[in-house]
Amino acid sequence: MRIGFIGLGNMGGPMALNIIRAGHQVIVHDVRHEAAAPHLEAGAKWADSARETAAQCDLIMTSLPGPRDVEAVALGETGIIHGIRRGSTYIDLSTNSPTVIRHIHTILKQKGVDVLDAPVSGGVAGAKKATLGVFVGGEEAAFQRVQPVLSAIGDKVSYIGPSGSGAIAKLVHNQIAICTSAVIAEAFTMGVKAGVAPDALFKAVRDGAFGQGNFLNMLPRVIFKGAFDRAFFALKLARKDLGLATEVAREFDVPMALAASVEQDLIAGVVSGLGDKDASAAFTIQEARAGIKVRSD
């Protein structure tokens, strides 16, 4: 299988090299010709445009900064659409908009081309070591055909669902990571300003329930089943503990907007009769706002 790889940046460059090392014939393209130097040295060939890349390949992959770049490379004047052949497959590895990739999927499907969204997670280190998580959306049969190639860039390749599902999964992951970082910033600034050393706080968090992964693991055990009646940690106690934390923040003049917002949800939960249920029952407050329940068999 001849593979085209477009976008040789911090993530795309190492991924393309790993595909070459896996024994595939690879044609590369980037807006910076110099970015392809290690790939050409490793045996890849150069193409002058996305169109030229697609015209020579059975599988085309892109790793680009964002939705506008993906749309331009896929559908622009010198884009993939003008060179790709019927029966080929296009995989976008970028962190992309599900709306954009579904639009590309619809257009290229009319040309007999399979489109997969397969954003990756694991950072530059994961890209270099081929230990990325890969979240794939699109037709499952197309995924099965290209899975060996995806396994050359990541050791945690998952089929998520129809077109756009991979993009959504990546955005969910990144939202959690980014917002958790903000919560950790609030908590650590409060803790340090209140007089505790950062390394001691880190050990306490790492050794506690959060650091042991209990909160993520509760999703399939509690949230997906709606099993809030058995209180491992009662919501009213969570409301008390967070209230104590925000009291300390006020005492030491530490802004904690996220914690204050969550505290209001916990108060609402207690008032609405959820106080004796598991603290995770606060999840239902957001479910009511969103108009959806997160449940699975």
Protein backbone atom coordinates (compact mmCIF):
# COMPACT_ATOMS: atom_id res chain seq x y z
CA MET A 1 0.00 0.00 0.00
CA ARG A 2 1.36 3.38 -1.00
CA ILE A 3 0.68 5.96 1.72
CA GLY A 4 0.62 9.73 1.40
CA PHE A 5 1.36 11.76 4.53
CA ILE A 6 0.65 15.51 4.59
CA GLY A 7 1.77 17.64 7.55
CA LEU A 8 5.20 16.95 9.03
CA GLY A 9 5.07 19.07 12.16
CA ASN A 10 5.79 18.11 15.76
CA MET A 11 3.22 15.31 15.69
CA GLY A 12 2.98 14.47 12.00
CA GLY A 13 6.73 14.26 11.46
CA PRO A 14 7.35 11.44 13.96
CA MET A 15 4.17 9.61 12.93
CA ALA A 16 5.22 9.62 9.28
CA LEU A 17 8.67 8.32 10.23
CA ASN A 18 7.13 5.44 12.17
CA ILE A 19 4.99 4.51 9.17
CA ILE A 20 8.12 4.48 7.00
CA ARG A 21 9.94 2.34 9.58
CA ALA A 22 7.03 -0.10 9.53
CA GLY A 23 7.95 -0.86 5.93
CA HIS A 24 5.38 1.17 4.02
CA GLN A 25 6.11 3.13 0.88
CA VAL A 26 5.40 6.76 1.82
CA ILE A 27 5.03 9.98 -0.15
CA VAL A 28 5.21 13.15 1.95
CA HIS A 29 4.18 16.76 1.60
CA ASP A 30 4.42 19.81 3.85
CA VAL A 31 4.36 23.58 3.34
CA ARG A 32 8.03 23.50 4.45
CA HIS A 33 10.15 21.28 2.25
CA GLU A 34 12.88 21.16 4.91
CA ALA A 35 10.49 19.41 7.31
CA ALA A 36 10.67 16.36 5.06
CA ALA A 37 14.45 15.95 5.27
CA PRO A 38 14.46 13.02 7.75
CA HIS A 39 11.65 11.31 5.86
CA LEU A 40 13.38 11.58 2.50
CA GLU A 41 16.56 10.27 4.08
CA ALA A 42 14.55 7.33 5.45
CA GLY A 43 13.27 6.46 1.97
CA ALA A 44 10.12 8.54 1.47
CA LYS A 45 9.41 10.45 -1.74
CA TRP A 46 8.33 14.09 -2.02
CA ALA A 47 5.15 15.47 -3.63
CA ASP A 48 4.68 19.16 -4.44
CA SER A 49 1.04 19.41 -3.36
CA ALA A 50 -1.77 17.63 -1.56
CA ARG A 51 -3.31 16.90 -4.96
CA GLU A 52 -0.12 15.30 -6.24
CA THR A 53 0.23 13.28 -3.04
CA ALA A 54 -3.31 11.91 -3.30
CA ALA A 55 -2.93 11.05 -6.97
CA GLN A 56 -0.08 8.64 -6.21
CA CYS A 57 -1.48 6.92 -3.11
CA ASP A 58 -4.07 4.41 -1.94
CA LEU A 59 -4.17 5.85 1.59
CA ILE A 60 -3.75 9.55 2.39
CA MET A 61 -3.18 10.83 5.93
CA THR A 62 -3.10 14.39 7.23
CA SER A 63 -1.80 15.83 10.51
CA LEU A 64 -2.57 19.54 10.53
CA PRO A 65 -3.05 22.42 13.02
CA GLY A 66 -6.83 22.78 12.84
CA PRO A 67 -10.15 22.59 10.94
CA ARG A 68 -9.40 25.36 8.41
CA ASP A 69 -6.12 23.72 7.45
CA VAL A 70 -7.76 20.30 7.09
CA GLU A 71 -10.58 21.66 4.95
CA ALA A 72 -8.14 23.57 2.71
CA VAL A 73 -5.86 20.55 2.24
CA ALA A 74 -8.77 18.18 1.65
CA LEU A 75 -11.04 20.35 -0.51
CA GLY A 76 -8.98 23.36 -1.66
CA GLU A 77 -7.80 24.26 -5.16
CA THR A 78 -4.74 22.00 -4.94
CA GLY A 79 -6.35 19.71 -2.40
CA ILE A 80 -6.69 15.99 -1.97
CA ILE A 81 -10.13 15.93 -3.62
CA HIS A 82 -8.61 16.79 -7.02
CA GLY A 83 -6.15 13.89 -7.01
CA ILE A 84 -7.65 11.12 -4.95
CA ARG A 85 -8.89 8.00 -6.72
CA ARG A 86 -12.06 5.98 -6.18
CA GLY A 87 -11.46 3.19 -3.71
CA SER A 88 -8.84 5.14 -1.77
CA THR A 89 -9.01 6.03 1.93
CA TYR A 90 -8.41 9.39 3.58
CA ILE A 91 -7.55 9.58 7.30
CA ASP A 92 -7.32 12.86 9.19
CA LEU A 93 -5.19 12.56 12.34
CA SER A 94 -5.69 16.19 13.38
CA THR A 95 -7.68 17.47 16.32
CA ASN A 96 -10.55 18.61 14.14
CA SER A 97 -14.14 19.79 14.19
CA PRO A 98 -16.62 16.90 13.86
CA THR A 99 -18.75 19.12 11.61
CA VAL A 100 -15.82 19.75 9.25
CA ILE A 101 -14.77 16.10 9.02
CA ARG A 102 -18.37 14.99 8.45
CA HIS A 103 -18.62 17.54 5.62
CA ILE A 104 -15.42 16.17 4.07
CA HIS A 105 -16.72 12.63 4.58
CA THR A 106 -19.95 13.44 2.71
CA ILE A 107 -18.15 15.04 -0.24
CA LEU A 108 -15.43 12.43 -0.67
CA LYS A 109 -17.90 9.58 -0.19
CA GLN A 110 -19.57 10.76 -3.41
CA LYS A 111 -16.25 10.11 -5.15
CA GLY A 112 -16.05 6.58 -3.76
CA VAL A 113 -13.50 7.47 -1.07
CA ASP A 114 -13.63 6.28 2.56
CA VAL A 115 -12.94 8.97 5.15
CA LEU A 116 -11.87 8.33 8.74
CA ASP A 117 -11.31 10.84 11.51
CA ALA A 118 -8.54 9.47 13.72
CA PRO A 119 -7.19 12.14 16.11
CA VAL A 120 -4.33 11.07 18.32
CA SER A 121 -3.38 11.66 21.95
CA GLY A 122 -0.08 11.21 23.73
CA GLY A 123 1.97 14.24 22.76
CA VAL A 124 5.24 14.46 20.89
CA ALA A 125 6.80 11.77 23.07
CA GLY A 126 3.99 9.37 22.19
CA ALA A 127 4.32 10.25 18.50
CA LYS A 128 8.04 9.45 18.57
CA LYS A 129 7.61 6.19 20.49
CA ALA A 130 4.48 5.08 18.54
CA THR A 131 2.53 4.83 21.81
CA LEU A 132 -0.30 7.19 20.87
CA GLY A 133 -3.96 6.70 21.57
CA VAL A 134 -5.86 6.81 18.26
CA PHE A 135 -9.62 7.48 18.29
CA VAL A 136 -11.23 6.45 15.00
CA GLY A 137 -14.55 7.52 13.52
CA GLY A 138 -16.08 6.43 10.20
CA GLU A 139 -17.17 3.17 8.58
CA GLU A 140 -15.93 0.23 10.64
CA ALA A 141 -15.03 -1.79 7.54
CA ALA A 142 -12.70 1.01 6.41
CA PHE A 143 -11.17 1.10 9.88
CA GLN A 144 -10.48 -2.63 9.79
CA ARG A 145 -8.64 -2.27 6.47
CA VAL A 146 -6.27 0.43 7.71
CA GLN A 147 -5.85 -0.67 11.32
CA PRO A 148 -2.37 -2.16 10.66
CA VAL A 149 -1.17 1.24 9.45
CA LEU A 150 -2.65 3.02 12.46
CA SER A 151 -0.94 0.49 14.70
CA ALA A 152 2.37 1.81 13.37
CA ILE A 153 1.72 5.15 15.08
CA GLY A 154 -0.11 4.07 18.24
CA ASP A 155 -0.50 1.07 20.52
CA LYS A 156 -3.98 2.10 21.72
CA VAL A 157 -6.09 2.22 18.55
CA SER A 158 -9.85 2.29 19.18
CA TYR A 159 -12.84 2.31 16.87
CA ILE A 160 -15.24 4.88 18.40
CA GLY A 161 -18.19 5.00 15.98
CA PRO A 162 -19.55 6.69 12.82
CA SER A 163 -18.00 9.69 11.10
CA GLY A 164 -17.06 12.46 13.53
CA SER A 165 -16.99 10.14 16.56
CA GLY A 166 -13.21 10.13 16.77
CA ALA A 167 -13.10 13.93 16.65
CA ILE A 168 -15.70 14.16 19.42
CA ALA A 169 -13.84 11.64 21.59
CA LYS A 170 -10.63 13.67 21.27
CA LEU A 171 -12.42 16.90 22.20
CA VAL A 172 -13.99 15.21 25.24
CA HIS A 173 -10.55 13.98 26.32
CA ASN A 174 -8.91 17.37 25.85
CA GLN A 175 -11.71 19.27 27.57
CA ILE A 176 -11.32 17.04 30.64
CA ALA A 177 -7.53 17.40 30.61
CA ILE A 178 -7.57 21.19 30.16
CA CYS A 179 -10.31 21.86 32.72
CA THR A 180 -8.78 19.45 35.23
CA SER A 181 -5.53 21.38 34.89
CA ALA A 182 -7.41 24.58 35.78
CA VAL A 183 -9.00 22.92 38.83
CA ILE A 184 -5.59 21.65 39.94
CA ALA A 185 -4.22 25.18 39.57
CA GLU A 186 -6.99 26.51 41.83
CA ALA A 187 -6.47 23.81 44.44
CA PHE A 188 -2.67 24.00 44.54
CA THR A 189 -2.56 27.80 44.76
CA MET A 190 -5.05 27.60 47.63
CA GLY A 191 -3.05 24.85 49.37
CA VAL A 192 0.34 26.53 48.98
CA LYS A 193 -0.96 29.96 50.02
CA ALA A 194 -2.55 28.30 53.08
CA GLY A 195 0.87 27.01 54.07
CA VAL A 196 1.52 23.53 52.62
CA ALA A 197 4.56 22.71 50.45
CA PRO A 198 3.78 21.86 46.79
CA ASP A 199 5.58 18.49 46.89
CA ALA A 200 3.62 17.46 49.98
CA LEU A 201 0.36 18.42 48.28
CA PHE A 202 1.37 16.45 45.20
CA LYS A 203 2.01 13.32 47.26
CA ALA A 204 -1.34 13.71 49.04
CA VAL A 205 -3.22 14.06 45.76
CA ARG A 206 -1.30 11.22 44.10
CA ASP A 207 -1.91 8.87 47.03
CA GLY A 208 -5.58 9.76 47.44
CA ALA A 209 -8.71 8.60 45.61
CA PHE A 210 -8.22 11.05 42.73
CA GLY A 211 -4.60 10.07 42.16
CA GLN A 212 -5.55 6.39 42.16
CA GLY A 213 -8.01 6.97 39.31
CA ASN A 214 -11.16 6.29 41.33
CA PHE A 215 -13.09 9.17 39.81
CA LEU A 216 -12.54 8.11 36.22
CA ASN A 217 -13.28 4.48 37.07
CA MET A 218 -16.61 5.44 38.61
CA LEU A 219 -17.99 6.35 35.18
CA PRO A 220 -18.76 2.78 34.03
CA ARG A 221 -19.50 1.53 37.58
CA VAL A 222 -21.83 4.32 38.71
CA ILE A 223 -22.64 7.01 36.14
CA PHE A 224 -23.31 4.75 33.14
CA LYS A 225 -25.63 2.62 35.32
CA GLY A 226 -27.29 5.53 37.10
CA ALA A 227 -26.43 3.74 40.36
CA PHE A 228 -26.41 6.74 42.69
CA ASP A 229 -28.37 5.27 45.60
CA ARG A 230 -25.41 3.47 47.17
CA ALA A 231 -23.38 6.29 48.66
CA PHE A 232 -19.66 5.51 48.58
CA PHE A 233 -19.21 9.20 49.47
CA ALA A 234 -22.42 11.12 50.11
CA LEU A 235 -23.14 14.24 48.09
CA LYS A 236 -23.84 16.21 51.30
CA LEU A 237 -20.32 15.36 52.48
CA ALA A 238 -18.84 16.45 49.16
CA ARG A 239 -20.76 19.73 49.51
CA LYS A 240 -19.33 20.14 53.04
CA ASP A 241 -15.75 19.41 51.95
CA LEU A 242 -15.83 21.72 48.96
CA GLY A 243 -17.42 24.39 51.14
CA LEU A 244 -14.48 24.09 53.55
CA ALA A 245 -12.05 24.44 50.63
CA THR A 246 -13.74 27.60 49.34
CA GLU A 247 -13.74 28.99 52.90
CA VAL A 248 -9.96 28.56 53.03
CA ALA A 249 -9.69 30.21 49.61
CA ARG A 250 -11.63 33.24 50.84
CA GLU A 251 -9.52 33.40 54.01
CA PHE A 252 -6.31 33.53 51.98
CA ASP A 253 -7.69 35.59 49.04
CA VAL A 254 -7.34 32.86 46.42
CA PRO A 255 -9.77 33.13 43.46
CA MET A 256 -11.44 29.76 42.80
CA ALA A 257 -14.17 30.36 40.22
CA LEU A 258 -14.44 26.73 39.14
CA ALA A 259 -14.70 25.42 42.68
CA ALA A 260 -17.31 28.05 43.52
CA SER A 261 -19.39 27.05 40.50
CA VAL A 262 -19.24 23.36 41.43
CA GLU A 263 -20.14 24.24 45.02
CA GLN A 264 -23.34 25.87 43.78
CA ASP A 265 -24.26 22.66 41.94
CA LEU A 266 -23.66 20.62 45.08
CA ILE A 267 -25.85 22.98 47.11
CA ALA A 268 -28.56 22.63 44.47
CA GLY A 269 -28.19 18.85 44.71
CA VAL A 270 -28.64 18.87 48.47
CA VAL A 271 -31.68 21.15 48.22
CA SER A 272 -33.25 18.89 45.58
CA GLY A 273 -32.94 15.80 47.79
CA LEU A 274 -29.70 14.24 46.51
CA GLY A 275 -27.73 14.80 49.71
CA ASP A 276 -27.76 11.16 50.87
CA LYS A 277 -27.00 9.76 47.42
CA ASP A 278 -23.48 9.21 46.12
CA ALA A 279 -21.61 12.43 45.37
CA SER A 280 -21.54 11.42 41.71
CA ALA A 281 -25.31 12.13 41.65
CA ALA A 282 -24.28 15.73 41.01
CA PHE A 283 -23.70 14.44 37.46
CA THR A 284 -27.50 14.46 37.05
CA ILE A 285 -27.59 18.25 37.49
CA GLN A 286 -25.51 18.73 34.35
CA GLU A 287 -27.51 16.01 32.59
CA ALA A 288 -30.70 17.98 33.27
CA ARG A 289 -29.13 21.16 31.87
CA ALA A 290 -27.86 19.33 28.78
CA GLY A 291 -31.08 17.37 28.21
CA ILE A 292 -29.26 14.03 27.96
CA LYS A 293 -28.51 11.12 30.29
CA VAL A 294 -25.11 9.44 30.11
CA ARG A 295 -26.09 5.79 30.44
CA SER A 296 -24.79 2.56 28.92
CA ASP A 297 -25.46 -1.15 29.32
